[in-house]
């Protein structure tokens, strides 16, 4: 699927968005060099699994530290590890660096559990439109509409490590 297709899908669902082109972003480090003028919480996505073969897509604020133990508990998984490129392509039809909640549309068998940062609710978020050379801003409530359209559920949770007040 091309990015233009995902933008057409969003439009057909009545989901407004703003888009900004930029250099490729593969990591949080790469994102430091990109100045986004879009409104919203900049999002990073983790595609994780446990040894039992459960998969999870976790979306959280870009510059916060994920707590993998909390995430595993929220998902009902065992100890987490990160998925490889083959698993990403097989389950979500996406390559590393381009992971986005929008790729859940390719999980036709609902094998992937989705977990969102609870602070997204009521806010706009910034995600990739199936490629890492652009970002789109849309309301989180509209993203949940997209998820429902593709018959996918999600959970909201606090997924962060506690901040050390002495740091």
Protein backbone atom coordinates (compact mmCIF):
# COMPACT_ATOMS: atom_id res chain seq x y z
CA UNK A 1 0.00 0.00 0.00
CA UNK A 2 1.27 3.45 -0.85
CA UNK A 3 1.15 6.44 1.47
CA UNK A 4 -1.34 8.11 -0.88
CA UNK A 5 -3.66 5.15 -0.27
CA UNK A 6 -3.55 5.58 3.52
CA UNK A 7 -4.26 9.30 3.14
CA UNK A 8 -7.24 8.44 0.91
CA UNK A 9 -8.47 5.96 3.53
CA UNK A 10 -8.23 8.60 6.26
CA UNK A 11 -10.14 11.06 4.07
CA UNK A 12 -12.80 8.47 3.20
CA UNK A 13 -13.33 7.88 6.94
CA UNK A 14 -13.75 11.63 7.49
CA UNK A 15 -10.50 11.83 9.46
CA UNK A 16 -8.80 15.21 9.06
CA UNK A 17 -5.00 15.34 9.22
CA UNK A 18 -2.08 17.60 8.47
CA UNK A 19 1.05 16.25 6.81
CA UNK A 20 4.68 17.35 6.84
CA UNK A 21 7.47 15.90 4.70
CA UNK A 22 10.93 15.48 6.25
CA UNK A 23 14.12 13.41 6.08
CA UNK A 24 13.85 9.75 7.02
CA UNK A 25 13.53 9.08 10.74
CA UNK A 26 14.64 5.64 11.89
CA UNK A 27 15.14 6.34 15.59
CA UNK A 28 14.56 8.82 18.38
CA UNK A 29 18.09 10.09 17.72
CA UNK A 30 17.18 10.83 14.06
CA UNK A 31 14.09 12.72 15.22
CA UNK A 32 16.25 15.26 17.06
CA UNK A 33 17.31 16.73 13.70
CA UNK A 34 13.76 17.11 12.37
CA UNK A 35 11.74 20.19 13.26
CA UNK A 36 8.05 19.39 13.07
CA UNK A 37 5.58 22.24 12.84
CA UNK A 38 2.63 19.91 13.33
CA UNK A 39 0.45 20.13 16.41
CA UNK A 40 0.38 17.14 18.73
CA UNK A 41 2.32 14.65 20.82
CA UNK A 42 5.20 13.19 18.81
CA UNK A 43 4.87 9.40 18.97
CA UNK A 44 7.30 6.49 18.92
CA UNK A 45 6.10 2.94 18.36
CA UNK A 46 7.45 -0.31 19.72
CA UNK A 47 6.61 -3.68 18.19
CA UNK A 48 7.16 -6.28 20.89
CA UNK A 49 6.58 -9.96 21.56
CA UNK A 50 6.92 -12.50 24.32
CA UNK A 51 8.21 -16.09 24.19
CA UNK A 52 4.65 -17.44 24.01
CA UNK A 53 4.22 -15.80 20.58
CA UNK A 54 2.05 -12.84 21.62
CA UNK A 55 2.60 -9.59 19.74
CA UNK A 56 2.02 -6.00 20.81
CA UNK A 57 2.17 -2.59 19.20
CA UNK A 58 2.85 0.10 21.80
CA UNK A 59 2.60 3.83 21.01
CA UNK A 60 4.02 6.35 23.47
CA UNK A 61 5.41 9.88 23.61
CA UNK A 62 8.71 10.13 21.74
CA UNK A 63 10.96 11.49 24.47
CA UNK A 64 9.78 9.40 27.43
CA UNK A 65 11.31 6.10 28.60
CA UNK A 66 9.16 3.03 28.17
CA UNK A 67 8.79 0.66 31.10
CA UNK A 68 8.82 -2.79 29.46
CA UNK A 69 7.68 -4.51 32.66
CA UNK A 70 4.63 -2.23 32.89
CA UNK A 71 3.93 -2.74 29.18
CA UNK A 72 4.16 -6.53 29.51
CA UNK A 73 1.79 -6.46 32.49
CA UNK A 74 -0.72 -4.20 30.68
CA UNK A 75 -0.66 -6.47 27.61
CA UNK A 76 -0.85 -9.64 29.73
CA UNK A 77 2.44 -10.87 28.23
CA UNK A 78 5.56 -12.47 29.62
CA UNK A 79 9.00 -10.89 29.34
CA UNK A 80 9.19 -8.69 26.23
CA UNK A 81 11.64 -8.56 23.38
CA UNK A 82 11.56 -6.50 20.20
CA UNK A 83 10.33 -8.02 16.95
CA UNK A 84 12.59 -8.32 13.94
CA UNK A 85 12.09 -6.94 10.44
CA UNK A 86 10.59 -10.20 9.14
CA UNK A 87 7.95 -10.21 11.88
CA UNK A 88 7.14 -6.57 11.18
CA UNK A 89 6.64 -7.29 7.50
CA UNK A 90 4.74 -10.52 8.07
CA UNK A 91 2.28 -9.18 10.65
CA UNK A 92 2.03 -5.45 9.89
CA UNK A 93 3.31 -5.08 6.31
CA UNK A 94 5.78 -2.42 7.43
CA UNK A 95 9.56 -1.96 7.58
CA UNK A 96 11.59 -0.88 10.62
CA UNK A 97 11.54 2.87 11.12
CA UNK A 98 8.08 3.26 9.60
CA UNK A 99 6.01 1.55 12.29
CA UNK A 100 2.78 3.42 12.97
CA UNK A 101 -0.56 2.58 14.56
CA UNK A 102 -2.01 2.87 11.04
CA UNK A 103 -0.28 -0.38 10.01
CA UNK A 104 -2.66 -2.27 12.30
CA UNK A 105 -4.99 -2.33 9.29
CA UNK A 106 -2.83 -5.16 7.92
CA UNK A 107 -3.35 -7.35 11.00
CA UNK A 108 -6.42 -9.08 9.58
CA UNK A 109 -6.26 -11.91 12.14
CA UNK A 110 -6.07 -9.56 15.15
CA UNK A 111 -2.85 -11.19 16.35
CA UNK A 112 -1.39 -7.88 17.57
CA UNK A 113 -2.59 -6.25 20.80
CA UNK A 114 -2.45 -2.45 20.75
CA UNK A 115 -1.51 -0.31 23.72
CA UNK A 116 -1.58 3.49 23.70
CA UNK A 117 -0.20 6.00 26.16
CA UNK A 118 -3.18 7.13 28.23
CA UNK A 119 -2.17 10.79 27.80
CA UNK A 120 -3.05 10.58 24.09
CA UNK A 121 -6.76 10.61 24.91
CA UNK A 122 -8.30 13.97 23.95
CA UNK A 123 -5.10 15.17 22.24
CA UNK A 124 -3.61 15.27 18.78
CA UNK A 125 -0.77 12.90 18.00
CA UNK A 126 1.94 12.87 15.34
CA UNK A 127 2.60 9.56 13.56
CA UNK A 128 4.06 8.28 10.29
CA UNK A 129 1.72 7.64 7.34
CA UNK A 130 3.24 4.19 6.55
CA UNK A 131 6.61 5.76 5.67
CA UNK A 132 9.24 7.48 7.78
CA UNK A 133 9.81 10.44 5.45
CA UNK A 134 6.61 12.20 6.50
CA UNK A 135 4.54 12.72 9.62
CA UNK A 136 0.85 13.41 10.05
CA UNK A 137 -1.01 15.06 12.89
CA UNK A 138 -4.48 13.82 13.75
CA UNK A 139 -6.77 13.67 16.74
CA UNK A 140 -6.30 10.55 18.86
CA UNK A 141 -10.09 10.13 18.84
CA UNK A 142 -9.90 9.92 15.04
CA UNK A 143 -7.17 7.28 15.27
CA UNK A 144 -9.48 5.21 17.47
CA UNK A 145 -12.16 5.61 14.78
CA UNK A 146 -9.62 4.19 12.29
CA UNK A 147 -8.89 1.29 14.66
CA UNK A 148 -12.59 0.50 15.00
CA UNK A 149 -13.02 0.62 11.22
CA UNK A 150 -10.42 -2.16 10.98
CA UNK A 151 -12.06 -4.12 13.85
CA UNK A 152 -9.12 -3.63 16.18
CA UNK A 153 -9.36 -2.92 19.87
CA UNK A 154 -6.81 -1.09 21.98
CA UNK A 155 -5.99 -0.30 25.58
CA UNK A 156 -4.85 2.91 27.26
CA UNK A 157 -2.23 2.79 30.02
CA UNK A 158 0.64 4.52 31.75
CA UNK A 159 3.62 2.90 30.01
CA UNK A 160 6.53 4.94 31.40
CA UNK A 161 9.37 4.44 33.80
CA UNK A 162 9.01 6.59 36.89
CA UNK A 163 11.02 9.79 36.63
CA UNK A 164 13.84 10.00 39.17
CA UNK A 165 13.36 13.32 41.01
CA UNK A 166 17.07 13.31 41.89
CA UNK A 167 18.21 12.99 38.28
